[in-house]
Each structure stands twice: as C-alpha cells, then as structure tokens.
C-alpha cells in the first residue's frame, strides 16, 4: 500500500503539471517570457515529482491518477479563472474521470502491491 507521502508527492506532481499547463496556454507559443519559464520549470518539477511514485506504484496507476486529476483540475482552472464554459456532457465526463480514479485507488489490487 502506498504511503501518504507517496500520494503527497503525486499531488505535488499534479499541481506542478496544472500550473505548467495553465502557463503554457498563456505563453503564446513560447513568445511570452514569464509564462514560458513557468511552463518549462513546472513540467520539469512535475516529472521530477512523478519519478518517486512511479518507483513504488504501478506505472499505469500513477499515470491514470496523474493524468485524470490533471485534466479535472486544469478544466476547473479554465472554468474558474478564464470563464471557459462547461456543458453537461463535459461535467459528466469529468465526474466519470474522478470516479475512475476513486475506483482504481479503492478497489484495485494493483495499488495495494
């Protein structure tokens, strides 16, 4: 069973990736300096943080959690900060992603080994 520290480091990887992706959208194809710097540093940190959980948890499980929650959080940032609209199918899809992450963590034997 992964420790709380493993999940905390995975959460840090997710946060770094969300920050980097948000900055990427503002970098204007890397033509704006500071959003570009935040993007590069954020992705570097995301992968550095990701390197620990991937050593103690199955790669597919780590990637499912990282990418799934990353998508949900990036969508939340775009909705809250940038006013992007979410329709009912988008919200339903996001809820299914969250449900999938929960199912993997609660019911999968792969996480426990």
C-alpha atoms as a PDB file:
ATOM      1  CA  UNK A   1       0.000   0.000   0.000  1.00  0.00           C
ATOM      2  CA  UNK A   2       1.486   3.366  -0.983  1.00  0.00           C
ATOM      3  CA  UNK A   3       2.180   5.721   1.902  1.00  0.00           C
ATOM      4  CA  UNK A   4       0.585   9.096   2.443  1.00  0.00           C
ATOM      5  CA  UNK A   5       3.920  10.650   1.460  1.00  0.00           C
ATOM      6  CA  UNK A   6       3.753   8.876  -1.912  1.00  0.00           C
ATOM      7  CA  UNK A   7       0.318  10.358  -2.549  1.00  0.00           C
ATOM      8  CA  UNK A   8       1.530  13.793  -1.374  1.00  0.00           C
ATOM      9  CA  UNK A   9       4.409  13.678  -3.864  1.00  0.00           C
ATOM     10  CA  UNK A  10       1.999  12.564  -6.594  1.00  0.00           C
ATOM     11  CA  UNK A  11      -0.259  15.503  -5.647  1.00  0.00           C
ATOM     12  CA  UNK A  12       2.749  17.836  -5.973  1.00  0.00           C
ATOM     13  CA  UNK A  13       3.409  16.406  -9.448  1.00  0.00           C
ATOM     14  CA  UNK A  14      -0.216  17.020 -10.407  1.00  0.00           C
ATOM     15  CA  UNK A  15      -0.139  20.595  -9.096  1.00  0.00           C
ATOM     16  CA  UNK A  16       3.103  21.353 -10.932  1.00  0.00           C
ATOM     17  CA  UNK A  17       1.635  19.949 -14.146  1.00  0.00           C
ATOM     18  CA  UNK A  18      -1.562  22.004 -13.765  1.00  0.00           C
ATOM     19  CA  UNK A  19       0.456  25.189 -13.193  1.00  0.00           C
ATOM     20  CA  UNK A  20       2.681  24.402 -16.177  1.00  0.00           C
ATOM     21  CA  UNK A  21      -0.250  23.671 -18.472  1.00  0.00           C
ATOM     22  CA  UNK A  22      -2.049  26.829 -17.376  1.00  0.00           C
ATOM     23  CA  UNK A  23       1.099  28.848 -18.085  1.00  0.00           C
ATOM     24  CA  UNK A  24       1.528  27.077 -21.439  1.00  0.00           C
ATOM     25  CA  UNK A  25      -1.852  28.395 -22.538  1.00  0.00           C
ATOM     26  CA  UNK A  26      -0.645  31.901 -21.631  1.00  0.00           C
ATOM     27  CA  UNK A  27       2.831  31.581 -23.160  1.00  0.00           C
ATOM     28  CA  UNK A  28       1.516  32.424 -26.638  1.00  0.00           C
ATOM     29  CA  UNK A  29       3.554  29.653 -28.317  1.00  0.00           C
ATOM     30  CA  UNK A  30       6.526  30.401 -26.053  1.00  0.00           C
ATOM     31  CA  UNK A  31       6.690  34.012 -27.231  1.00  0.00           C
ATOM     32  CA  UNK A  32       5.996  35.438 -23.755  1.00  0.00           C
ATOM     33  CA  UNK A  33       8.962  35.060 -21.410  1.00  0.00           C
ATOM     34  CA  UNK A  34       7.493  34.507 -17.924  1.00  0.00           C
ATOM     35  CA  UNK A  35       4.677  32.140 -18.859  1.00  0.00           C
ATOM     36  CA  UNK A  36       7.251  30.178 -20.889  1.00  0.00           C
ATOM     37  CA  UNK A  37       9.616  29.971 -17.901  1.00  0.00           C
ATOM     38  CA  UNK A  38       6.775  28.832 -15.620  1.00  0.00           C
ATOM     39  CA  UNK A  39       5.816  26.204 -18.209  1.00  0.00           C
ATOM     40  CA  UNK A  40       9.307  24.718 -18.503  1.00  0.00           C
ATOM     41  CA  UNK A  41      10.020  24.800 -14.760  1.00  0.00           C
ATOM     42  CA  UNK A  42       6.551  23.453 -13.950  1.00  0.00           C
ATOM     43  CA  UNK A  43       6.856  20.488 -16.281  1.00  0.00           C
ATOM     44  CA  UNK A  44      10.380  19.756 -15.039  1.00  0.00           C
ATOM     45  CA  UNK A  45       9.099  19.738 -11.452  1.00  0.00           C
ATOM     46  CA  UNK A  46       6.080  17.646 -12.409  1.00  0.00           C
ATOM     47  CA  UNK A  47       8.241  14.914 -13.906  1.00  0.00           C
ATOM     48  CA  UNK A  48      10.746  15.105 -11.069  1.00  0.00           C
ATOM     49  CA  UNK A  49       7.949  14.657  -8.506  1.00  0.00           C
ATOM     50  CA  UNK A  50       6.404  11.922 -10.638  1.00  0.00           C
ATOM     51  CA  UNK A  51       9.648   9.924 -10.567  1.00  0.00           C
ATOM     52  CA  UNK A  52       9.088   8.854  -6.945  1.00  0.00           C
ATOM     53  CA  UNK A  53       5.536   7.459  -7.041  1.00  0.00           C
ATOM     54  CA  UNK A  54       6.348   5.616 -10.254  1.00  0.00           C
ATOM     55  CA  UNK A  55       9.040   3.670  -8.354  1.00  0.00           C
ATOM     56  CA  UNK A  56       6.645   2.413  -5.684  1.00  0.00           C
ATOM     57  CA  UNK A  57       3.322   2.161  -7.541  1.00  0.00           C
ATOM     58  CA  UNK A  58       2.418   0.579 -10.873  1.00  0.00           C
ATOM     59  CA  UNK A  59       3.119   2.927 -13.786  1.00  0.00           C
ATOM     60  CA  UNK A  60      -0.393   2.651 -15.204  1.00  0.00           C
ATOM     61  CA  UNK A  61      -1.989   3.508 -11.867  1.00  0.00           C
ATOM     62  CA  UNK A  62       0.283   6.513 -11.324  1.00  0.00           C
ATOM     63  CA  UNK A  63      -0.357   7.771 -14.827  1.00  0.00           C
ATOM     64  CA  UNK A  64      -4.132   7.271 -14.509  1.00  0.00           C
ATOM     65  CA  UNK A  65      -4.213   9.328 -11.314  1.00  0.00           C
ATOM     66  CA  UNK A  66      -1.815  11.987 -12.631  1.00  0.00           C
ATOM     67  CA  UNK A  67      -3.481  12.485 -15.977  1.00  0.00           C
ATOM     68  CA  UNK A  68      -7.063  12.073 -14.748  1.00  0.00           C
ATOM     69  CA  UNK A  69      -6.846  14.522 -11.882  1.00  0.00           C
ATOM     70  CA  UNK A  70      -4.701  16.834 -14.008  1.00  0.00           C
ATOM     71  CA  UNK A  71      -7.453  17.034 -16.628  1.00  0.00           C
ATOM     72  CA  UNK A  72     -10.091  17.732 -13.989  1.00  0.00           C
ATOM     73  CA  UNK A  73      -8.012  20.409 -12.254  1.00  0.00           C
ATOM     74  CA  UNK A  74      -6.948  22.130 -15.481  1.00  0.00           C
ATOM     75  CA  UNK A  75     -10.582  22.218 -16.552  1.00  0.00           C
ATOM     76  CA  UNK A  76     -11.540  23.704 -13.164  1.00  0.00           C
ATOM     77  CA  UNK A  77      -8.857  26.404 -13.523  1.00  0.00           C
ATOM     78  CA  UNK A  78     -10.043  27.246 -17.038  1.00  0.00           C
ATOM     79  CA  UNK A  79     -13.642  27.429 -15.808  1.00  0.00           C
ATOM     80  CA  UNK A  80     -12.976  29.450 -12.636  1.00  0.00           C
ATOM     81  CA  UNK A  81     -10.219  31.822 -13.788  1.00  0.00           C
ATOM     82  CA  UNK A  82     -10.755  32.148 -17.509  1.00  0.00           C
ATOM     83  CA  UNK A  83     -14.516  31.778 -17.792  1.00  0.00           C
ATOM     84  CA  UNK A  84     -14.465  28.760 -20.097  1.00  0.00           C
ATOM     85  CA  UNK A  85     -17.881  27.156 -20.284  1.00  0.00           C
ATOM     86  CA  UNK A  86     -18.657  23.576 -19.346  1.00  0.00           C
ATOM     87  CA  UNK A  87     -21.738  21.876 -20.705  1.00  0.00           C
ATOM     88  CA  UNK A  88     -23.493  18.879 -19.185  1.00  0.00           C
ATOM     89  CA  UNK A  89     -21.576  16.232 -21.183  1.00  0.00           C
ATOM     90  CA  UNK A  90     -18.261  17.829 -20.148  1.00  0.00           C
ATOM     91  CA  UNK A  91     -19.230  17.837 -16.489  1.00  0.00           C
ATOM     92  CA  UNK A  92     -20.443  14.241 -16.722  1.00  0.00           C
ATOM     93  CA  UNK A  93     -17.171  13.200 -18.358  1.00  0.00           C
ATOM     94  CA  UNK A  94     -15.148  14.910 -15.631  1.00  0.00           C
ATOM     95  CA  UNK A  95     -17.209  13.168 -12.957  1.00  0.00           C
ATOM     96  CA  UNK A  96     -16.522   9.833 -14.665  1.00  0.00           C
ATOM     97  CA  UNK A  97     -12.783  10.587 -14.624  1.00  0.00           C
ATOM     98  CA  UNK A  98     -12.916  11.301 -10.888  1.00  0.00           C
ATOM     99  CA  UNK A  99     -14.972   8.137 -10.347  1.00  0.00           C
ATOM    100  CA  UNK A 100     -12.378   6.144 -12.288  1.00  0.00           C
ATOM    101  CA  UNK A 101      -9.530   7.463 -10.137  1.00  0.00           C
ATOM    102  CA  UNK A 102     -11.501   6.594  -6.996  1.00  0.00           C
ATOM    103  CA  UNK A 103     -12.255   3.068  -8.257  1.00  0.00           C
ATOM    104  CA  UNK A 104      -8.577   2.482  -9.063  1.00  0.00           C
ATOM    105  CA  UNK A 105      -7.459   3.637  -5.610  1.00  0.00           C
ATOM    106  CA  UNK A 106     -10.154   1.948  -3.559  1.00  0.00           C
ATOM    107  CA  UNK A 107     -10.732  -1.332  -5.367  1.00  0.00           C
ATOM    108  CA  UNK A 108      -7.643  -2.162  -7.430  1.00  0.00           C
ATOM    109  CA  UNK A 109      -5.225  -4.724  -6.081  1.00  0.00           C
ATOM    110  CA  UNK A 110      -2.523  -3.104  -8.222  1.00  0.00           C
ATOM    111  CA  UNK A 111      -2.426  -0.105  -5.857  1.00  0.00           C
ATOM    112  CA  UNK A 112      -2.004  -2.270  -2.767  1.00  0.00           C
ATOM    113  CA  UNK A 113       1.091  -4.091  -4.016  1.00  0.00           C
END
